[in-house]
Amino acid sequence: MTKFTTALALVLATATGSAALAATDGQIAEIETFANVDTSGLSNAEIASLLNVIHSGGSVSENRALVQNLVGKYQ
């Protein structure tokens, strides 16, 4: 649970710093394929935070669960 909380804090902290970049179609497809989620309606900052989770050093299953959880909170 501590890893989850730490990862969530890092994701939320970095989300605002990446807001200036527009998400590409490839990045959106990567998120949707990785976690089987719908990213329509998410902001660029939210997309960036999800990409940070996907590319973090955590396990695939933990990262997938965190991405799914965050998408649910973002929508």
N, C-alpha and C. Protein backbone atom coordinates (compact mmCIF):
# COMPACT_ATOMS: atom_id res chain seq x y z
N MET A 1 0.82 -1.19 0.00
CA MET A 1 0.00 0.00 0.00
C MET A 1 0.87 1.26 0.00
N THR A 2 2.03 1.19 0.65
CA THR A 2 2.92 2.34 0.68
C THR A 2 3.42 2.66 -0.72
N LYS A 3 3.75 1.63 -1.51
CA LYS A 3 4.20 1.86 -2.89
C LYS A 3 3.11 2.55 -3.69
N PHE A 4 1.88 2.11 -3.50
CA PHE A 4 0.75 2.69 -4.23
C PHE A 4 0.60 4.17 -3.87
N THR A 5 0.64 4.49 -2.60
CA THR A 5 0.49 5.86 -2.15
C THR A 5 1.62 6.73 -2.65
N THR A 6 2.84 6.20 -2.59
CA THR A 6 3.99 6.95 -3.08
C THR A 6 3.89 7.20 -4.57
N ALA A 7 3.52 6.16 -5.32
CA ALA A 7 3.38 6.31 -6.77
C ALA A 7 2.30 7.33 -7.10
N LEU A 8 1.19 7.26 -6.39
CA LEU A 8 0.10 8.21 -6.65
C LEU A 8 0.55 9.64 -6.37
N ALA A 9 1.29 9.84 -5.29
CA ALA A 9 1.78 11.18 -4.97
C ALA A 9 2.73 11.69 -6.05
N LEU A 10 3.61 10.82 -6.54
CA LEU A 10 4.53 11.22 -7.60
C LEU A 10 3.79 11.56 -8.89
N VAL A 11 2.79 10.77 -9.21
CA VAL A 11 2.02 11.01 -10.42
C VAL A 11 1.31 12.35 -10.34
N LEU A 12 0.68 12.62 -9.24
CA LEU A 12 -0.05 13.87 -9.10
C LEU A 12 0.89 15.07 -9.06
N ALA A 13 2.06 14.89 -8.50
CA ALA A 13 3.03 15.98 -8.44
C ALA A 13 3.59 16.31 -9.80
N THR A 14 3.77 15.31 -10.65
CA THR A 14 4.35 15.56 -11.97
C THR A 14 3.30 15.92 -13.01
N ALA A 15 2.06 15.71 -12.73
CA ALA A 15 1.01 15.94 -13.73
C ALA A 15 0.96 17.40 -14.16
N THR A 16 1.12 18.31 -13.25
CA THR A 16 1.01 19.71 -13.61
C THR A 16 2.20 20.21 -14.41
N GLY A 17 3.37 19.63 -14.24
CA GLY A 17 4.56 20.05 -14.96
C GLY A 17 4.55 19.66 -16.42
N SER A 18 3.78 18.68 -16.81
CA SER A 18 3.76 18.18 -18.18
C SER A 18 2.58 18.71 -18.99
N ALA A 19 1.84 19.62 -18.44
CA ALA A 19 0.60 20.06 -19.07
C ALA A 19 0.81 20.81 -20.38
N ALA A 20 2.00 21.35 -20.61
CA ALA A 20 2.23 22.16 -21.79
C ALA A 20 2.34 21.32 -23.06
N LEU A 21 2.62 20.04 -22.95
CA LEU A 21 2.80 19.19 -24.12
C LEU A 21 1.49 18.50 -24.47
N ALA A 22 1.17 18.48 -25.76
CA ALA A 22 -0.04 17.81 -26.21
C ALA A 22 0.23 16.31 -26.36
N ALA A 23 -0.73 15.52 -25.96
CA ALA A 23 -0.60 14.06 -26.07
C ALA A 23 -0.71 13.65 -27.53
N THR A 24 0.14 12.72 -27.94
CA THR A 24 0.09 12.22 -29.30
C THR A 24 -0.88 11.04 -29.38
N ASP A 25 -1.27 10.70 -30.60
CA ASP A 25 -2.14 9.54 -30.80
C ASP A 25 -1.46 8.27 -30.32
N GLY A 26 -0.15 8.19 -30.52
CA GLY A 26 0.60 7.01 -30.08
C GLY A 26 0.60 6.86 -28.56
N GLN A 27 0.72 7.97 -27.85
CA GLN A 27 0.70 7.93 -26.39
C GLN A 27 -0.67 7.51 -25.87
N ILE A 28 -1.70 8.05 -26.49
CA ILE A 28 -3.06 7.69 -26.09
C ILE A 28 -3.31 6.21 -26.35
N ALA A 29 -2.88 5.73 -27.49
CA ALA A 29 -3.04 4.31 -27.82
C ALA A 29 -2.26 3.43 -26.84
N GLU A 30 -1.08 3.88 -26.44
CA GLU A 30 -0.28 3.13 -25.48
C GLU A 30 -1.03 2.96 -24.15
N ILE A 31 -1.64 4.02 -23.67
CA ILE A 31 -2.39 3.95 -22.42
C ILE A 31 -3.60 3.05 -22.57
N GLU A 32 -4.36 3.25 -23.63
CA GLU A 32 -5.58 2.47 -23.82
C GLU A 32 -5.29 0.99 -23.99
N THR A 33 -4.19 0.66 -24.66
CA THR A 33 -3.81 -0.74 -24.84
C THR A 33 -3.26 -1.33 -23.56
N PHE A 34 -2.45 -0.57 -22.85
CA PHE A 34 -1.81 -1.05 -21.63
C PHE A 34 -2.83 -1.43 -20.56
N ALA A 35 -3.84 -0.58 -20.38
CA ALA A 35 -4.75 -0.77 -19.25
C ALA A 35 -6.20 -0.99 -19.67
N ASN A 36 -6.47 -1.08 -20.97
CA ASN A 36 -7.84 -1.29 -21.46
C ASN A 36 -8.80 -0.24 -20.88
N VAL A 37 -8.46 1.03 -21.09
CA VAL A 37 -9.25 2.14 -20.58
C VAL A 37 -9.59 3.10 -21.71
N ASP A 38 -10.58 3.94 -21.49
CA ASP A 38 -10.98 4.97 -22.44
C ASP A 38 -10.40 6.30 -21.96
N THR A 39 -9.56 6.91 -22.76
CA THR A 39 -8.92 8.16 -22.35
C THR A 39 -9.60 9.40 -22.92
N SER A 40 -10.71 9.21 -23.62
CA SER A 40 -11.39 10.38 -24.18
C SER A 40 -11.83 11.31 -23.05
N GLY A 41 -11.61 12.56 -23.25
CA GLY A 41 -12.00 13.55 -22.25
C GLY A 41 -10.94 13.86 -21.21
N LEU A 42 -9.81 13.15 -21.26
CA LEU A 42 -8.74 13.42 -20.30
C LEU A 42 -7.88 14.58 -20.79
N SER A 43 -7.36 15.35 -19.86
CA SER A 43 -6.50 16.47 -20.22
C SER A 43 -5.10 15.97 -20.56
N ASN A 44 -4.31 16.84 -21.14
CA ASN A 44 -2.92 16.50 -21.45
C ASN A 44 -2.14 16.18 -20.17
N ALA A 45 -2.41 16.91 -19.10
CA ALA A 45 -1.72 16.65 -17.83
C ALA A 45 -2.09 15.27 -17.30
N GLU A 46 -3.35 14.88 -17.42
CA GLU A 46 -3.79 13.57 -16.96
C GLU A 46 -3.16 12.46 -17.81
N ILE A 47 -3.09 12.68 -19.11
CA ILE A 47 -2.43 11.71 -20.00
C ILE A 47 -0.97 11.57 -19.60
N ALA A 48 -0.31 12.69 -19.35
CA ALA A 48 1.11 12.66 -18.96
C ALA A 48 1.30 11.90 -17.66
N SER A 49 0.40 12.07 -16.71
CA SER A 49 0.54 11.36 -15.43
C SER A 49 0.37 9.85 -15.63
N LEU A 50 -0.53 9.46 -16.53
CA LEU A 50 -0.72 8.04 -16.81
C LEU A 50 0.51 7.45 -17.49
N LEU A 51 1.12 8.20 -18.39
CA LEU A 51 2.35 7.74 -19.03
C LEU A 51 3.48 7.61 -18.02
N ASN A 52 3.53 8.52 -17.04
CA ASN A 52 4.54 8.41 -15.98
C ASN A 52 4.37 7.11 -15.20
N VAL A 53 3.15 6.74 -14.93
CA VAL A 53 2.90 5.49 -14.22
C VAL A 53 3.34 4.30 -15.07
N ILE A 54 2.96 4.29 -16.34
CA ILE A 54 3.28 3.17 -17.22
C ILE A 54 4.78 2.98 -17.32
N HIS A 55 5.53 4.07 -17.37
CA HIS A 55 6.97 3.98 -17.56
C HIS A 55 7.76 4.00 -16.25
N SER A 56 7.08 3.94 -15.14
CA SER A 56 7.78 3.88 -13.86
C SER A 56 8.35 2.48 -13.66
N GLY A 57 9.13 2.30 -12.64
CA GLY A 57 9.79 1.03 -12.41
C GLY A 57 8.95 -0.02 -11.72
N GLY A 58 7.70 0.24 -11.46
CA GLY A 58 6.85 -0.71 -10.75
C GLY A 58 6.51 -1.92 -11.59
N SER A 59 5.85 -2.87 -10.96
CA SER A 59 5.43 -4.07 -11.69
C SER A 59 4.31 -3.71 -12.66
N VAL A 60 4.19 -4.50 -13.71
CA VAL A 60 3.18 -4.24 -14.73
C VAL A 60 1.79 -4.29 -14.12
N SER A 61 1.52 -5.28 -13.27
CA SER A 61 0.18 -5.41 -12.70
C SER A 61 -0.15 -4.24 -11.77
N GLU A 62 0.83 -3.77 -10.98
CA GLU A 62 0.59 -2.61 -10.11
C GLU A 62 0.36 -1.36 -10.94
N ASN A 63 1.18 -1.18 -11.97
CA ASN A 63 1.04 0.00 -12.83
C ASN A 63 -0.30 -0.01 -13.56
N ARG A 64 -0.71 -1.19 -14.06
CA ARG A 64 -2.00 -1.30 -14.75
C ARG A 64 -3.14 -0.93 -13.80
N ALA A 65 -3.10 -1.45 -12.59
CA ALA A 65 -4.16 -1.16 -11.61
C ALA A 65 -4.19 0.32 -11.27
N LEU A 66 -3.01 0.94 -11.14
CA LEU A 66 -2.95 2.36 -10.82
C LEU A 66 -3.50 3.20 -11.97
N VAL A 67 -3.15 2.85 -13.21
CA VAL A 67 -3.67 3.58 -14.37
C VAL A 67 -5.19 3.47 -14.42
N GLN A 68 -5.73 2.28 -14.22
CA GLN A 68 -7.17 2.09 -14.24
C GLN A 68 -7.84 2.91 -13.14
N ASN A 69 -7.23 2.92 -11.96
CA ASN A 69 -7.77 3.68 -10.83
C ASN A 69 -7.76 5.18 -11.15
N LEU A 70 -6.65 5.67 -11.67
CA LEU A 70 -6.54 7.11 -11.97
C LEU A 70 -7.51 7.52 -13.06
N VAL A 71 -7.67 6.72 -14.10
CA VAL A 71 -8.62 7.06 -15.17
C VAL A 71 -10.03 7.16 -14.58
N GLY A 72 -10.38 6.27 -13.68
CA GLY A 72 -11.68 6.34 -13.03
C GLY A 72 -11.86 7.61 -12.24
N LYS A 73 -10.81 8.07 -11.59
CA LYS A 73 -10.88 9.31 -10.81
C LYS A 73 -10.90 10.55 -11.71
N TYR A 74 -10.20 10.49 -12.81
CA TYR A 74 -10.13 11.63 -13.72
C TYR A 74 -11.44 11.87 -14.45
N GLN A 75 -12.21 10.81 -14.70
CA GLN A 75 -13.43 10.97 -15.51
C GLN A 75 -14.61 11.35 -14.69
